[in-house]
Amino acid sequence: MTTINADFKTYVDKMPAEINTMKDIKEYLKQFEKEYKEKAKEAKVAKVAEKPKRKKGVDKDGNVKEKRAPSAYNVFVKEKYAEIKEANPVLDKTEIFSEIAKLWREKKEKIDSKSGEKVAVEEEEKPSDKEEEVAEVPQKKPARKAIKKKEKVKEESDENDE
């Protein structure tokens, strides 16, 4: 696809000799504008028509995607949402989900207590004291002045050592 400037120049070069007045030139240029917009629309439609739409649940090759198994939390939410909504029809969705979250935390604590350790859900995510990992913090590069000062200090210390 060519640029509008190139198309405009060729259109002006093809302008008939009979067009003499400014009014005729303006009409001729308006005609170019209309034709150019129509071409742009046609090109856009053709571009969209070339690209086939993919259906949900199908990969690029057309094979059916396998759905991932829902997590334990997702299954729990699905079960409890209807129960809580039925028991409390006045609650919003956000309130219902907050109730489900409270029930989930309680369930998690019960499961952990059965295994011998009662650990809160928030503590589960943190590493233990024994296995505490120290994350390396990237240090900023020293400024030029600081580098020069360090070099001077090193040189002085080397001279003093000798």
N, C-alpha and C. Protein backbone atom coordinates (compact mmCIF):
# COMPACT_ATOMS: atom_id res chain seq x y z
N MET A 1 0.85 -1.17 0.00
CA MET A 1 0.00 0.00 0.00
C MET A 1 0.90 1.24 0.00
N THR A 2 0.59 2.14 -0.89
CA THR A 2 1.40 3.35 -1.00
C THR A 2 0.92 4.40 -0.01
N THR A 3 1.75 5.41 0.18
CA THR A 3 1.38 6.47 1.11
C THR A 3 0.41 7.43 0.45
N ILE A 4 -0.25 8.20 1.28
CA ILE A 4 -1.23 9.15 0.77
C ILE A 4 -0.54 10.24 -0.06
N ASN A 5 0.67 10.64 0.33
CA ASN A 5 1.39 11.67 -0.42
C ASN A 5 1.71 11.21 -1.83
N ALA A 6 2.17 9.99 -1.97
CA ALA A 6 2.50 9.46 -3.30
C ALA A 6 1.23 9.36 -4.14
N ASP A 7 0.16 8.87 -3.54
CA ASP A 7 -1.11 8.77 -4.28
C ASP A 7 -1.61 10.15 -4.69
N PHE A 8 -1.46 11.11 -3.80
CA PHE A 8 -1.92 12.47 -4.10
C PHE A 8 -1.14 13.06 -5.27
N LYS A 9 0.18 12.86 -5.28
CA LYS A 9 0.99 13.40 -6.37
C LYS A 9 0.60 12.80 -7.71
N THR A 10 0.39 11.50 -7.74
CA THR A 10 -0.01 10.86 -9.00
C THR A 10 -1.39 11.34 -9.43
N TYR A 11 -2.27 11.55 -8.47
CA TYR A 11 -3.63 12.03 -8.78
C TYR A 11 -3.57 13.45 -9.35
N VAL A 12 -2.72 14.30 -8.79
CA VAL A 12 -2.58 15.67 -9.28
C VAL A 12 -1.93 15.67 -10.67
N ASP A 13 -0.97 14.78 -10.91
CA ASP A 13 -0.33 14.69 -12.22
C ASP A 13 -1.32 14.28 -13.30
N LYS A 14 -2.32 13.49 -12.92
CA LYS A 14 -3.33 13.03 -13.89
C LYS A 14 -4.47 14.03 -14.06
N MET A 15 -4.39 15.19 -13.40
CA MET A 15 -5.46 16.17 -13.46
C MET A 15 -5.65 16.64 -14.92
N PRO A 16 -6.89 16.62 -15.39
CA PRO A 16 -7.15 17.04 -16.78
C PRO A 16 -6.83 18.52 -17.00
N ALA A 17 -6.52 18.86 -18.24
CA ALA A 17 -6.16 20.24 -18.59
C ALA A 17 -7.37 21.17 -18.57
N GLU A 18 -8.58 20.62 -18.65
CA GLU A 18 -9.78 21.45 -18.68
C GLU A 18 -10.05 22.15 -17.34
N ILE A 19 -9.47 21.63 -16.27
CA ILE A 19 -9.71 22.22 -14.95
C ILE A 19 -8.83 23.46 -14.82
N ASN A 20 -9.50 24.63 -14.78
CA ASN A 20 -8.76 25.88 -14.72
C ASN A 20 -9.07 26.68 -13.46
N THR A 21 -10.29 26.65 -13.01
CA THR A 21 -10.68 27.49 -11.89
C THR A 21 -10.36 26.81 -10.57
N MET A 22 -10.27 27.63 -9.52
CA MET A 22 -9.97 27.11 -8.18
C MET A 22 -11.11 26.22 -7.70
N LYS A 23 -12.33 26.56 -8.05
CA LYS A 23 -13.49 25.77 -7.65
C LYS A 23 -13.40 24.36 -8.24
N ASP A 24 -13.02 24.26 -9.50
CA ASP A 24 -12.89 22.96 -10.16
C ASP A 24 -11.76 22.13 -9.51
N ILE A 25 -10.67 22.81 -9.15
CA ILE A 25 -9.54 22.11 -8.52
C ILE A 25 -9.97 21.56 -7.15
N LYS A 26 -10.70 22.36 -6.39
CA LYS A 26 -11.17 21.90 -5.07
C LYS A 26 -12.08 20.69 -5.21
N GLU A 27 -12.98 20.72 -6.17
CA GLU A 27 -13.88 19.57 -6.40
C GLU A 27 -13.07 18.33 -6.78
N TYR A 28 -12.07 18.54 -7.65
CA TYR A 28 -11.23 17.44 -8.08
C TYR A 28 -10.49 16.81 -6.90
N LEU A 29 -9.99 17.66 -5.98
CA LEU A 29 -9.27 17.17 -4.81
C LEU A 29 -10.21 16.50 -3.81
N LYS A 30 -11.45 17.00 -3.71
CA LYS A 30 -12.44 16.34 -2.84
C LYS A 30 -12.75 14.95 -3.36
N GLN A 31 -12.79 14.84 -4.69
CA GLN A 31 -13.02 13.53 -5.30
C GLN A 31 -11.89 12.58 -4.93
N PHE A 32 -10.63 13.08 -4.92
CA PHE A 32 -9.50 12.25 -4.51
C PHE A 32 -9.67 11.77 -3.08
N GLU A 33 -10.08 12.69 -2.21
CA GLU A 33 -10.26 12.36 -0.80
C GLU A 33 -11.28 11.24 -0.63
N LYS A 34 -12.41 11.35 -1.33
CA LYS A 34 -13.46 10.32 -1.25
C LYS A 34 -12.93 8.97 -1.73
N GLU A 35 -12.25 8.98 -2.88
CA GLU A 35 -11.74 7.73 -3.44
C GLU A 35 -10.70 7.09 -2.52
N TYR A 36 -9.85 7.93 -1.93
CA TYR A 36 -8.80 7.41 -1.05
C TYR A 36 -9.41 6.77 0.19
N LYS A 37 -10.43 7.41 0.76
CA LYS A 37 -11.09 6.85 1.94
C LYS A 37 -11.74 5.52 1.61
N GLU A 38 -12.38 5.43 0.43
CA GLU A 38 -13.01 4.17 0.02
C GLU A 38 -11.97 3.07 -0.14
N LYS A 39 -10.82 3.40 -0.75
CA LYS A 39 -9.75 2.41 -0.90
C LYS A 39 -9.24 1.93 0.45
N ALA A 40 -9.10 2.88 1.39
CA ALA A 40 -8.62 2.53 2.72
C ALA A 40 -9.59 1.60 3.43
N LYS A 41 -10.90 1.87 3.29
CA LYS A 41 -11.91 1.00 3.90
C LYS A 41 -11.86 -0.40 3.30
N GLU A 42 -11.75 -0.46 1.96
CA GLU A 42 -11.69 -1.76 1.28
C GLU A 42 -10.46 -2.54 1.72
N ALA A 43 -9.33 -1.84 1.85
CA ALA A 43 -8.11 -2.51 2.27
C ALA A 43 -8.24 -3.04 3.69
N LYS A 44 -8.89 -2.25 4.55
CA LYS A 44 -9.08 -2.67 5.93
C LYS A 44 -9.98 -3.90 6.01
N VAL A 45 -11.06 -3.88 5.23
CA VAL A 45 -11.98 -5.02 5.20
C VAL A 45 -11.28 -6.26 4.66
N ALA A 46 -10.48 -6.09 3.63
CA ALA A 46 -9.76 -7.22 3.05
C ALA A 46 -8.76 -7.78 4.05
N LYS A 47 -8.10 -6.91 4.79
CA LYS A 47 -7.12 -7.34 5.79
C LYS A 47 -7.79 -8.15 6.89
N VAL A 48 -8.96 -7.69 7.33
CA VAL A 48 -9.70 -8.39 8.37
C VAL A 48 -10.22 -9.73 7.84
N ALA A 49 -10.65 -9.74 6.57
CA ALA A 49 -11.18 -10.96 5.98
C ALA A 49 -10.09 -12.02 5.82
N GLU A 50 -8.85 -11.60 5.59
CA GLU A 50 -7.75 -12.55 5.43
C GLU A 50 -7.45 -13.30 6.72
N LYS A 51 -7.60 -12.62 7.85
CA LYS A 51 -7.24 -13.19 9.13
C LYS A 51 -8.45 -13.94 9.71
N PRO A 52 -8.40 -15.27 9.72
CA PRO A 52 -9.54 -16.02 10.26
C PRO A 52 -9.60 -15.91 11.78
N LYS A 53 -10.79 -15.86 12.29
CA LYS A 53 -10.97 -15.78 13.74
C LYS A 53 -10.78 -17.17 14.35
N ARG A 54 -10.11 -17.18 15.50
CA ARG A 54 -9.95 -18.44 16.21
C ARG A 54 -11.09 -18.64 17.17
N LYS A 55 -11.53 -19.84 17.28
CA LYS A 55 -12.59 -20.17 18.22
C LYS A 55 -11.98 -20.37 19.59
N LYS A 56 -12.80 -20.12 20.62
CA LYS A 56 -12.33 -20.36 21.99
C LYS A 56 -12.12 -21.85 22.19
N GLY A 57 -11.08 -22.16 22.92
CA GLY A 57 -10.81 -23.55 23.24
C GLY A 57 -10.09 -24.29 22.13
N VAL A 58 -9.59 -23.53 21.12
CA VAL A 58 -8.87 -24.15 20.02
C VAL A 58 -7.54 -23.43 19.86
N ASP A 59 -6.45 -24.19 19.69
CA ASP A 59 -5.15 -23.55 19.53
C ASP A 59 -4.91 -23.15 18.08
N LYS A 60 -3.71 -22.64 17.76
CA LYS A 60 -3.41 -22.13 16.43
C LYS A 60 -3.55 -23.18 15.34
N ASP A 61 -3.25 -24.41 15.68
CA ASP A 61 -3.31 -25.50 14.70
C ASP A 61 -4.72 -26.05 14.51
N GLY A 62 -5.66 -25.61 15.32
CA GLY A 62 -7.03 -26.10 15.21
C GLY A 62 -7.34 -27.26 16.13
N ASN A 63 -6.37 -27.63 16.97
CA ASN A 63 -6.60 -28.72 17.91
C ASN A 63 -7.34 -28.20 19.14
N VAL A 64 -8.16 -29.04 19.72
CA VAL A 64 -8.92 -28.65 20.89
C VAL A 64 -7.99 -28.59 22.10
N LYS A 65 -8.04 -27.47 22.81
CA LYS A 65 -7.21 -27.31 24.01
C LYS A 65 -7.82 -28.07 25.17
N GLU A 66 -6.95 -28.66 25.96
CA GLU A 66 -7.42 -29.33 27.17
C GLU A 66 -7.52 -28.31 28.28
N LYS A 67 -8.65 -28.31 28.98
CA LYS A 67 -8.82 -27.37 30.08
C LYS A 67 -8.03 -27.86 31.28
N ARG A 68 -7.48 -26.88 31.99
CA ARG A 68 -6.74 -27.19 33.20
C ARG A 68 -7.72 -27.58 34.29
N ALA A 69 -7.33 -28.50 35.14
CA ALA A 69 -8.19 -28.92 36.24
C ALA A 69 -8.31 -27.76 37.23
N PRO A 70 -9.51 -27.51 37.77
CA PRO A 70 -9.66 -26.41 38.72
C PRO A 70 -8.90 -26.71 40.01
N SER A 71 -8.40 -25.64 40.62
CA SER A 71 -7.67 -25.79 41.88
C SER A 71 -8.65 -26.13 43.00
N ALA A 72 -8.10 -26.51 44.14
CA ALA A 72 -8.94 -26.86 45.29
C ALA A 72 -9.77 -25.65 45.71
N TYR A 73 -9.16 -24.47 45.64
CA TYR A 73 -9.88 -23.24 46.00
C TYR A 73 -11.04 -22.98 45.04
N ASN A 74 -10.81 -23.17 43.74
CA ASN A 74 -11.88 -22.96 42.76
C ASN A 74 -13.06 -23.90 43.00
N VAL A 75 -12.76 -25.15 43.30
CA VAL A 75 -13.83 -26.11 43.59
C VAL A 75 -14.58 -25.69 44.84
N PHE A 76 -13.83 -25.25 45.86
CA PHE A 76 -14.43 -24.81 47.12
C PHE A 76 -15.36 -23.62 46.89
N VAL A 77 -14.91 -22.65 46.10
CA VAL A 77 -15.72 -21.45 45.81
C VAL A 77 -16.99 -21.86 45.09
N LYS A 78 -16.87 -22.74 44.13
CA LYS A 78 -18.04 -23.17 43.35
C LYS A 78 -19.08 -23.83 44.24
N GLU A 79 -18.62 -24.63 45.20
CA GLU A 79 -19.54 -25.31 46.11
C GLU A 79 -20.20 -24.33 47.08
N LYS A 80 -19.39 -23.47 47.67
CA LYS A 80 -19.88 -22.59 48.74
C LYS A 80 -20.66 -21.37 48.24
N TYR A 81 -20.42 -20.91 47.02
CA TYR A 81 -21.08 -19.70 46.53
C TYR A 81 -22.60 -19.85 46.56
N ALA A 82 -23.08 -20.96 46.02
CA ALA A 82 -24.53 -21.18 45.98
C ALA A 82 -25.11 -21.29 47.39
N GLU A 83 -24.39 -21.97 48.29
CA GLU A 83 -24.87 -22.13 49.67
C GLU A 83 -25.00 -20.79 50.37
N ILE A 84 -23.97 -19.96 50.27
CA ILE A 84 -23.98 -18.67 50.95
C ILE A 84 -25.02 -17.74 50.33
N LYS A 85 -25.14 -17.77 49.01
CA LYS A 85 -26.12 -16.92 48.32
C LYS A 85 -27.54 -17.32 48.74
N GLU A 86 -27.78 -18.61 48.89
CA GLU A 86 -29.09 -19.11 49.29
C GLU A 86 -29.39 -18.72 50.74
N ALA A 87 -28.40 -18.81 51.60
CA ALA A 87 -28.59 -18.49 53.01
C ALA A 87 -28.73 -16.98 53.23
N ASN A 88 -28.01 -16.17 52.46
CA ASN A 88 -28.03 -14.71 52.61
C ASN A 88 -28.27 -14.05 51.24
N PRO A 89 -29.51 -13.96 50.79
CA PRO A 89 -29.76 -13.39 49.46
C PRO A 89 -29.50 -11.89 49.38
N VAL A 90 -29.30 -11.23 50.52
CA VAL A 90 -29.10 -9.78 50.55
C VAL A 90 -27.65 -9.40 50.22
N LEU A 91 -26.70 -10.31 50.41
CA LEU A 91 -25.28 -10.00 50.26
C LEU A 91 -24.88 -9.74 48.81
N ASP A 92 -23.89 -8.83 48.63
CA ASP A 92 -23.31 -8.57 47.31
C ASP A 92 -22.36 -9.70 46.96
N LYS A 93 -21.85 -9.65 45.72
CA LYS A 93 -20.87 -10.65 45.32
C LYS A 93 -19.59 -10.50 46.14
N THR A 94 -19.18 -9.25 46.37
CA THR A 94 -17.93 -9.04 47.13
C THR A 94 -18.06 -9.57 48.55
N GLU A 95 -19.21 -9.35 49.17
CA GLU A 95 -19.43 -9.85 50.53
C GLU A 95 -19.47 -11.37 50.55
N ILE A 96 -20.09 -11.94 49.53
CA ILE A 96 -20.15 -13.41 49.44
C ILE A 96 -18.73 -13.98 49.32
N PHE A 97 -17.91 -13.36 48.45
CA PHE A 97 -16.55 -13.85 48.27
C PHE A 97 -15.71 -13.65 49.53
N SER A 98 -15.95 -12.59 50.27
CA SER A 98 -15.21 -12.41 51.51
C SER A 98 -15.59 -13.50 52.53
N GLU A 99 -16.86 -13.88 52.56
CA GLU A 99 -17.30 -14.98 53.44
C GLU A 99 -16.64 -16.29 53.01
N ILE A 100 -16.60 -16.51 51.70
CA ILE A 100 -15.97 -17.74 51.19
C ILE A 100 -14.49 -17.75 51.58
N ALA A 101 -13.83 -16.60 51.50
CA ALA A 101 -12.41 -16.53 51.84
C ALA A 101 -12.20 -16.86 53.32
N LYS A 102 -13.09 -16.36 54.20
CA LYS A 102 -12.99 -16.68 55.63
C LYS A 102 -13.14 -18.18 55.85
N LEU A 103 -14.14 -18.77 55.18
CA LEU A 103 -14.35 -20.22 55.32
C LEU A 103 -13.13 -20.99 54.80
N TRP A 104 -12.54 -20.53 53.72
CA TRP A 104 -11.37 -21.20 53.15
C TRP A 104 -10.20 -21.16 54.12
N ARG A 105 -9.97 -20.00 54.76
CA ARG A 105 -8.88 -19.89 55.73
C ARG A 105 -9.09 -20.85 56.89
N GLU A 106 -10.35 -20.92 57.38
CA GLU A 106 -10.66 -21.82 58.49
C GLU A 106 -10.39 -23.27 58.08
N LYS A 107 -10.79 -23.61 56.87
CA LYS A 107 -10.60 -24.97 56.37
C LYS A 107 -9.10 -25.27 56.26
N LYS A 108 -8.32 -24.31 55.76
CA LYS A 108 -6.89 -24.50 55.62
C LYS A 108 -6.24 -24.72 56.99
N GLU A 109 -6.66 -23.94 57.99
CA GLU A 109 -6.10 -24.07 59.33
C GLU A 109 -6.43 -25.44 59.92
N LYS A 110 -7.65 -25.95 59.67
CA LYS A 110 -8.02 -27.28 60.15
C LYS A 110 -7.16 -28.34 59.49
N ILE A 111 -6.93 -28.21 58.20
CA ILE A 111 -6.12 -29.18 57.48
C ILE A 111 -4.69 -29.18 58.04
N ASP A 112 -4.15 -27.99 58.28
CA ASP A 112 -2.79 -27.88 58.81
C ASP A 112 -2.71 -28.43 60.23
N SER A 113 -3.77 -28.25 61.03
CA SER A 113 -3.75 -28.75 62.40
C SER A 113 -3.81 -30.28 62.43
N LYS A 114 -4.45 -30.87 61.43
CA LYS A 114 -4.48 -32.34 61.35
C LYS A 114 -3.10 -32.91 61.09
N SER A 115 -2.29 -32.18 60.34
CA SER A 115 -0.96 -32.66 60.04
C SER A 115 0.02 -32.42 61.19
N GLY A 116 -0.48 -31.81 62.27
CA GLY A 116 0.36 -31.62 63.45
C GLY A 116 0.85 -30.19 63.61
N GLU A 117 0.71 -29.40 62.58
CA GLU A 117 1.16 -28.01 62.65
C GLU A 117 -0.01 -27.10 62.33
N LYS A 118 -0.29 -26.19 63.25
CA LYS A 118 -1.34 -25.22 62.96
C LYS A 118 -0.67 -23.96 62.46
N VAL A 119 -0.73 -23.76 61.17
CA VAL A 119 -0.07 -22.64 60.53
C VAL A 119 -1.12 -21.80 59.83
N ALA A 120 -1.08 -20.51 60.04
CA ALA A 120 -2.02 -19.63 59.36
C ALA A 120 -1.68 -19.60 57.87
N VAL A 121 -2.65 -19.28 57.06
CA VAL A 121 -2.46 -19.27 55.61
C VAL A 121 -1.40 -18.26 55.21
N GLU A 122 -1.36 -17.10 55.85
CA GLU A 122 -0.39 -16.07 55.51
C GLU A 122 1.02 -16.52 55.84
N GLU A 123 1.20 -17.26 56.94
CA GLU A 123 2.53 -17.70 57.35
C GLU A 123 3.05 -18.80 56.44
N GLU A 124 2.16 -19.52 55.80
CA GLU A 124 2.55 -20.60 54.93
C GLU A 124 3.41 -20.11 53.77
N GLU A 125 3.11 -18.93 53.28
CA GLU A 125 3.78 -18.40 52.12
C GLU A 125 5.18 -17.90 52.45
N LYS A 126 5.45 -17.52 53.71
CA LYS A 126 6.74 -16.98 54.09
C LYS A 126 7.72 -18.12 54.34
N PRO A 127 9.01 -17.93 53.98
CA PRO A 127 9.99 -18.97 54.28
C PRO A 127 10.26 -19.02 55.78
N SER A 128 10.62 -20.21 56.28
CA SER A 128 10.89 -20.36 57.71
C SER A 128 12.20 -19.67 58.07
N ASP A 129 12.44 -19.50 59.38
CA ASP A 129 13.65 -18.82 59.85
C ASP A 129 14.90 -19.58 59.45
N LYS A 130 14.86 -20.91 59.48
CA LYS A 130 16.02 -21.72 59.16
C LYS A 130 16.38 -21.60 57.68
N GLU A 131 15.35 -21.54 56.84
CA GLU A 131 15.58 -21.52 55.41
C GLU A 131 15.49 -20.11 54.84
N GLU A 132 15.73 -19.13 55.68
CA GLU A 132 15.57 -17.75 55.24
C GLU A 132 16.57 -17.44 54.13
N GLU A 133 16.03 -16.99 53.02
CA GLU A 133 16.87 -16.67 51.88
C GLU A 133 17.13 -15.18 51.86
N VAL A 134 18.36 -14.84 51.64
CA VAL A 134 18.72 -13.44 51.59
C VAL A 134 18.75 -13.04 50.12
N ALA A 135 17.87 -12.12 49.80
CA ALA A 135 17.82 -11.66 48.41
C ALA A 135 18.91 -10.62 48.21
N GLU A 136 19.64 -10.79 47.13
CA GLU A 136 20.70 -9.84 46.84
C GLU A 136 20.08 -8.58 46.26
N VAL A 137 20.41 -7.48 46.88
CA VAL A 137 19.90 -6.20 46.43
C VAL A 137 20.92 -5.61 45.47
N PRO A 138 20.48 -5.31 44.25
CA PRO A 138 21.45 -4.75 43.31
C PRO A 138 21.90 -3.38 43.78
N GLN A 139 23.21 -3.18 43.83
CA GLN A 139 23.75 -1.92 44.29
C GLN A 139 23.91 -0.98 43.10
N LYS A 140 23.70 0.30 43.38
CA LYS A 140 23.87 1.29 42.34
C LYS A 140 25.34 1.44 42.01
N LYS A 141 25.61 1.75 40.76
CA LYS A 141 26.99 2.02 40.39
C LYS A 141 27.38 3.37 40.99
N PRO A 142 28.55 3.45 41.55
CA PRO A 142 28.96 4.72 42.15
C PRO A 142 29.15 5.78 41.07
N ALA A 143 28.94 7.01 41.47
CA ALA A 143 29.11 8.12 40.55
C ALA A 143 30.58 8.28 40.22
N ARG A 144 30.88 9.03 39.21
CA ARG A 144 32.27 9.22 38.78
C ARG A 144 33.15 9.74 39.91
N LYS A 145 32.66 10.72 40.67
CA LYS A 145 33.43 11.29 41.76
C LYS A 145 33.78 10.24 42.80
N ALA A 146 32.77 9.39 43.09
CA ALA A 146 33.00 8.35 44.08
C ALA A 146 34.05 7.36 43.59
N ILE A 147 34.05 7.04 42.33
CA ILE A 147 35.03 6.11 41.77
C ILE A 147 36.42 6.70 41.90
N LYS A 148 36.56 7.97 41.54
CA LYS A 148 37.86 8.62 41.62
C LYS A 148 38.37 8.65 43.06
N LYS A 149 37.47 8.95 44.00
CA LYS A 149 37.86 8.98 45.42
C LYS A 149 38.34 7.63 45.88
N LYS A 150 37.61 6.57 45.47
CA LYS A 150 38.01 5.23 45.87
C LYS A 150 39.38 4.89 45.31
N GLU A 151 39.62 5.25 44.06
CA GLU A 151 40.92 4.97 43.45
C GLU A 151 42.03 5.70 44.19
N LYS A 152 41.77 6.96 44.56
CA LYS A 152 42.78 7.73 45.30
C LYS A 152 43.05 7.09 46.65
N VAL A 153 42.00 6.67 47.34
CA VAL A 153 42.16 6.04 48.66
C VAL A 153 42.94 4.74 48.52
N LYS A 154 42.67 3.96 47.49
CA LYS A 154 43.39 2.71 47.28
C LYS A 154 44.87 2.98 47.00
N GLU A 155 45.14 3.97 46.15
CA GLU A 155 46.52 4.33 45.83
C GLU A 155 47.27 4.77 47.10
N GLU A 156 46.62 5.59 47.91
CA GLU A 156 47.25 6.07 49.14
C GLU A 156 47.51 4.91 50.09
N SER A 157 46.55 4.00 50.19
CA SER A 157 46.74 2.86 51.09
C SER A 157 47.85 1.95 50.58
N ASP A 158 47.96 1.80 49.26
CA ASP A 158 49.03 0.98 48.68
C ASP A 158 50.39 1.62 48.95
N GLU A 159 50.45 2.95 48.83
CA GLU A 159 51.71 3.65 49.09
C GLU A 159 52.09 3.52 50.57
N ASN A 160 51.12 3.61 51.45
CA ASN A 160 51.39 3.50 52.88
C ASN A 160 51.85 2.07 53.24
N ASP A 161 51.31 1.09 52.56
CA ASP A 161 51.68 -0.30 52.82
C ASP A 161 53.12 -0.57 52.42
N GLU A 162 53.58 0.10 51.38
CA GLU A 162 54.94 -0.13 50.87
C GLU A 162 55.90 0.56 51.76
